Each structure stands twice: as structure tokens, then as C-alpha cells.
């Protein structure tokens, strides 16, 4: 029994296009009769981040980080209020 090979592309490997090396390797092994699979985690991250839910989480975290209760102000700035 032949073991199946999994090729993973880590996120943020190539920003302008999907990184093709793992897909080529998977295709080559398949032509030689070796079972293999391929996953591009970079595409998964981008699809999750730019989904409706992902963008909502991103903007919510940015708003929470910019709220006045989380902004550090030196004590002397109270004098100027």
C-alpha cells in the first residue's frame, strides 16, 4: 500500500498569485501513480480574512483597539482638558 503525500503551502508565501510548486509536485506524483494531496493555506487565510465574517471581525477588533478606554494617555495630558 502506497502512503499518500500531503503538500502544504504555508500562508503568505507569495502575495501576488497562488504558489504553484506544491500543485506541480502533486500532479507529477499522481502521474507516476503515487497518491498525493495539496493544500494552499495562503488561499485559505485570504478567503477567510476577506469574507464578510472575516472583515466584520477585523473591523470590530480595530474599533475595540481604538476605543478611548484602551488608549494610553500620560497623566499630564489631563491638565490640558
N, C-alpha and C. Protein backbone atom coordinates (compact mmCIF):
# COMPACT_ATOMS: atom_id res chain seq x y z
N UNK A 1 0.84 -1.19 0.00
CA UNK A 1 0.00 0.00 0.00
C UNK A 1 0.89 1.25 0.00
N UNK A 2 0.64 2.15 -0.94
CA UNK A 2 1.40 3.39 -1.02
C UNK A 2 0.83 4.42 -0.07
N UNK A 3 1.70 5.12 0.60
CA UNK A 3 1.25 6.18 1.51
C UNK A 3 0.94 7.43 0.71
N UNK A 4 -0.08 8.15 1.14
CA UNK A 4 -0.47 9.38 0.48
C UNK A 4 0.39 10.53 1.00
N UNK A 5 0.87 11.36 0.10
CA UNK A 5 1.70 12.51 0.44
C UNK A 5 0.85 13.77 0.42
N UNK A 6 1.01 14.60 1.44
CA UNK A 6 0.30 15.88 1.51
C UNK A 6 1.30 17.01 1.36
N UNK A 7 1.08 17.87 0.39
CA UNK A 7 1.90 19.05 0.18
C UNK A 7 1.14 20.26 0.72
N UNK A 8 1.77 21.01 1.62
CA UNK A 8 1.16 22.21 2.21
C UNK A 8 1.96 23.44 1.80
N UNK A 9 1.25 24.46 1.38
CA UNK A 9 1.87 25.76 1.13
C UNK A 9 1.51 26.64 2.32
N UNK A 10 2.51 27.13 3.06
CA UNK A 10 2.20 27.97 4.22
C UNK A 10 1.61 29.31 3.79
N UNK A 11 0.88 29.97 4.67
CA UNK A 11 0.32 31.27 4.32
C UNK A 11 1.40 32.31 4.08
N UNK A 12 1.08 33.26 3.23
CA UNK A 12 1.94 34.42 2.93
C UNK A 12 3.25 34.03 2.27
N UNK A 13 3.23 32.97 1.45
CA UNK A 13 4.43 32.57 0.71
C UNK A 13 4.64 33.47 -0.49
N UNK A 14 3.58 33.71 -1.24
CA UNK A 14 3.64 34.56 -2.42
C UNK A 14 2.36 35.36 -2.46
N UNK A 15 2.46 36.69 -2.45
CA UNK A 15 1.29 37.54 -2.28
C UNK A 15 0.52 37.82 -3.57
N UNK A 16 1.18 37.84 -4.70
CA UNK A 16 0.50 38.28 -5.92
C UNK A 16 -0.20 37.16 -6.68
N UNK A 17 0.05 35.91 -6.35
CA UNK A 17 -0.57 34.78 -7.04
C UNK A 17 -0.41 33.52 -6.20
N UNK A 18 -1.26 32.52 -6.39
CA UNK A 18 -1.05 31.26 -5.66
C UNK A 18 0.31 30.66 -6.01
N UNK A 19 0.96 30.09 -5.03
CA UNK A 19 2.28 29.50 -5.22
C UNK A 19 2.11 28.13 -5.89
N UNK A 20 2.66 27.93 -7.10
CA UNK A 20 2.34 26.74 -7.88
C UNK A 20 3.15 25.48 -7.57
N UNK A 21 4.23 25.58 -6.82
CA UNK A 21 5.14 24.44 -6.67
C UNK A 21 4.47 23.20 -6.11
N UNK A 22 3.65 23.36 -5.08
CA UNK A 22 3.04 22.18 -4.48
C UNK A 22 2.03 21.53 -5.43
N UNK A 23 1.33 22.34 -6.22
CA UNK A 23 0.38 21.78 -7.19
C UNK A 23 1.13 21.01 -8.27
N UNK A 24 2.28 21.52 -8.72
CA UNK A 24 3.08 20.81 -9.73
C UNK A 24 3.61 19.49 -9.17
N UNK A 25 4.10 19.52 -7.93
CA UNK A 25 4.61 18.29 -7.33
C UNK A 25 3.51 17.25 -7.17
N UNK A 26 2.35 17.70 -6.73
CA UNK A 26 1.21 16.79 -6.58
C UNK A 26 0.86 16.17 -7.94
N UNK A 27 0.77 16.98 -8.96
CA UNK A 27 0.44 16.47 -10.29
C UNK A 27 1.47 15.49 -10.81
N UNK A 28 2.74 15.77 -10.58
CA UNK A 28 3.80 14.87 -11.03
C UNK A 28 3.70 13.52 -10.33
N UNK A 29 3.53 13.55 -9.01
CA UNK A 29 3.42 12.29 -8.28
C UNK A 29 2.20 11.48 -8.72
N UNK A 30 1.11 12.17 -8.99
CA UNK A 30 -0.09 11.47 -9.44
C UNK A 30 0.14 10.79 -10.79
N UNK A 31 0.89 11.42 -11.70
CA UNK A 31 1.17 10.79 -12.99
C UNK A 31 2.05 9.56 -12.84
N UNK A 32 2.81 9.50 -11.77
CA UNK A 32 3.68 8.34 -11.52
C UNK A 32 2.98 7.28 -10.68
N UNK A 33 1.72 7.51 -10.35
CA UNK A 33 0.96 6.52 -9.60
C UNK A 33 1.04 6.64 -8.10
N UNK A 34 1.61 7.73 -7.59
CA UNK A 34 1.69 7.95 -6.15
C UNK A 34 0.55 8.86 -5.72
N UNK A 35 -0.27 8.42 -4.79
CA UNK A 35 -1.37 9.29 -4.36
C UNK A 35 -0.86 10.48 -3.56
N UNK A 36 -1.43 11.63 -3.81
CA UNK A 36 -1.00 12.83 -3.09
C UNK A 36 -2.15 13.83 -3.03
N UNK A 37 -1.99 14.79 -2.14
CA UNK A 37 -2.96 15.87 -1.98
C UNK A 37 -2.20 17.16 -1.76
N UNK A 38 -2.87 18.27 -1.99
CA UNK A 38 -2.23 19.57 -1.88
C UNK A 38 -3.20 20.54 -1.23
N UNK A 39 -2.69 21.40 -0.34
CA UNK A 39 -3.49 22.44 0.29
C UNK A 39 -2.68 23.73 0.34
N UNK A 40 -3.31 24.82 -0.06
CA UNK A 40 -2.66 26.13 -0.03
C UNK A 40 -3.27 26.93 1.11
N UNK A 41 -2.56 27.00 2.23
CA UNK A 41 -3.07 27.71 3.40
C UNK A 41 -3.13 29.22 3.18
N UNK A 42 -2.30 29.72 2.25
CA UNK A 42 -2.35 31.15 1.92
C UNK A 42 -3.69 31.54 1.34
N UNK A 43 -4.22 30.71 0.44
CA UNK A 43 -5.53 30.98 -0.15
C UNK A 43 -6.60 30.87 0.93
N UNK A 44 -6.48 29.88 1.80
CA UNK A 44 -7.46 29.72 2.88
C UNK A 44 -7.50 30.94 3.79
N UNK A 45 -6.32 31.48 4.13
CA UNK A 45 -6.25 32.65 5.00
C UNK A 45 -6.89 33.86 4.33
N UNK A 46 -6.55 34.10 3.06
CA UNK A 46 -7.09 35.26 2.34
C UNK A 46 -8.60 35.14 2.18
N UNK A 47 -9.09 33.95 1.85
CA UNK A 47 -10.54 33.77 1.70
C UNK A 47 -11.26 33.99 3.03
N UNK A 48 -10.65 33.56 4.13
CA UNK A 48 -11.27 33.76 5.44
C UNK A 48 -11.22 35.24 5.84
N UNK A 49 -10.08 35.87 5.63
CA UNK A 49 -9.90 37.26 6.03
C UNK A 49 -10.84 38.19 5.27
N UNK A 50 -10.97 37.98 3.97
CA UNK A 50 -11.77 38.88 3.14
C UNK A 50 -13.21 38.40 2.94
N UNK A 51 -13.64 37.45 3.74
CA UNK A 51 -15.05 37.06 3.73
C UNK A 51 -15.83 38.10 4.53
N UNK A 52 -17.15 38.07 4.42
CA UNK A 52 -17.98 39.02 5.16
C UNK A 52 -17.71 38.90 6.67
N UNK A 53 -17.66 37.68 7.17
CA UNK A 53 -17.43 37.45 8.59
C UNK A 53 -16.01 37.87 8.99
N UNK A 54 -15.03 37.56 8.15
CA UNK A 54 -13.65 37.92 8.46
C UNK A 54 -13.44 39.42 8.53
N UNK A 55 -14.03 40.15 7.58
CA UNK A 55 -13.91 41.62 7.60
C UNK A 55 -14.64 42.22 8.80
N UNK A 56 -15.78 41.64 9.15
CA UNK A 56 -16.51 42.14 10.33
C UNK A 56 -15.66 41.97 11.59
N UNK A 57 -15.01 40.80 11.73
CA UNK A 57 -14.14 40.58 12.89
C UNK A 57 -12.96 41.54 12.89
N UNK A 58 -12.37 41.76 11.72
CA UNK A 58 -11.22 42.66 11.60
C UNK A 58 -11.59 44.07 12.03
N UNK A 59 -12.70 44.60 11.49
CA UNK A 59 -13.10 45.97 11.82
C UNK A 59 -13.53 46.08 13.28
N UNK A 60 -14.15 45.04 13.82
CA UNK A 60 -14.54 45.07 15.23
C UNK A 60 -13.31 45.12 16.12
N UNK A 61 -12.28 44.36 15.78
CA UNK A 61 -11.07 44.38 16.60
C UNK A 61 -10.33 45.71 16.47
N UNK A 62 -10.38 46.33 15.29
CA UNK A 62 -9.75 47.64 15.12
C UNK A 62 -10.50 48.70 15.92
N UNK A 63 -11.83 48.65 15.91
CA UNK A 63 -12.61 49.61 16.69
C UNK A 63 -12.38 49.43 18.18
N UNK A 64 -12.27 48.18 18.62
CA UNK A 64 -12.02 47.92 20.04
C UNK A 64 -10.64 48.42 20.45
N UNK A 65 -9.67 48.26 19.57
CA UNK A 65 -8.31 48.71 19.87
C UNK A 65 -8.22 50.23 19.90
N UNK A 66 -9.09 50.90 19.16
CA UNK A 66 -9.03 52.36 19.10
C UNK A 66 -9.97 53.04 20.08
N UNK A 67 -10.68 52.27 20.89
CA UNK A 67 -11.61 52.89 21.84
C UNK A 67 -10.83 53.68 22.89
N UNK A 68 -11.42 54.76 23.40
CA UNK A 68 -10.71 55.63 24.36
C UNK A 68 -10.26 54.90 25.62
N UNK A 69 -10.95 53.86 26.02
CA UNK A 69 -10.56 53.17 27.24
C UNK A 69 -9.26 52.39 27.08
N UNK A 70 -8.88 52.08 25.83
CA UNK A 70 -7.65 51.31 25.62
C UNK A 70 -6.48 52.18 25.21
N UNK A 71 -6.74 53.46 24.93
CA UNK A 71 -5.66 54.36 24.52
C UNK A 71 -4.93 54.84 25.76
N UNK A 72 -3.62 54.67 25.78
CA UNK A 72 -2.82 55.10 26.92
C UNK A 72 -2.51 56.59 26.79
N UNK A 73 -2.86 57.34 27.83
CA UNK A 73 -2.54 58.76 27.85
C UNK A 73 -1.67 59.03 29.07
N UNK A 74 -0.60 59.72 28.87
CA UNK A 74 0.23 60.09 30.03
C UNK A 74 -0.57 60.97 30.99
N UNK A 75 -0.30 60.88 32.29
CA UNK A 75 -1.08 61.62 33.30
C UNK A 75 -1.11 63.12 33.07
N UNK A 76 -0.04 63.72 32.54
CA UNK A 76 -0.01 65.16 32.41
C UNK A 76 -0.98 65.67 31.33
N UNK A 77 -1.49 64.79 30.46
CA UNK A 77 -2.41 65.27 29.43
C UNK A 77 -3.76 65.66 30.02
N UNK A 78 -4.10 65.18 31.22
CA UNK A 78 -5.34 65.56 31.86
C UNK A 78 -5.35 67.06 32.18
N UNK A 79 -4.21 67.65 32.36
CA UNK A 79 -4.10 69.09 32.66
C UNK A 79 -4.67 69.93 31.52
N UNK A 80 -4.54 69.44 30.28
CA UNK A 80 -4.92 70.23 29.11
C UNK A 80 -6.38 70.00 28.69
N UNK A 81 -7.15 69.26 29.42
CA UNK A 81 -8.55 69.01 29.06
C UNK A 81 -9.44 70.12 29.54
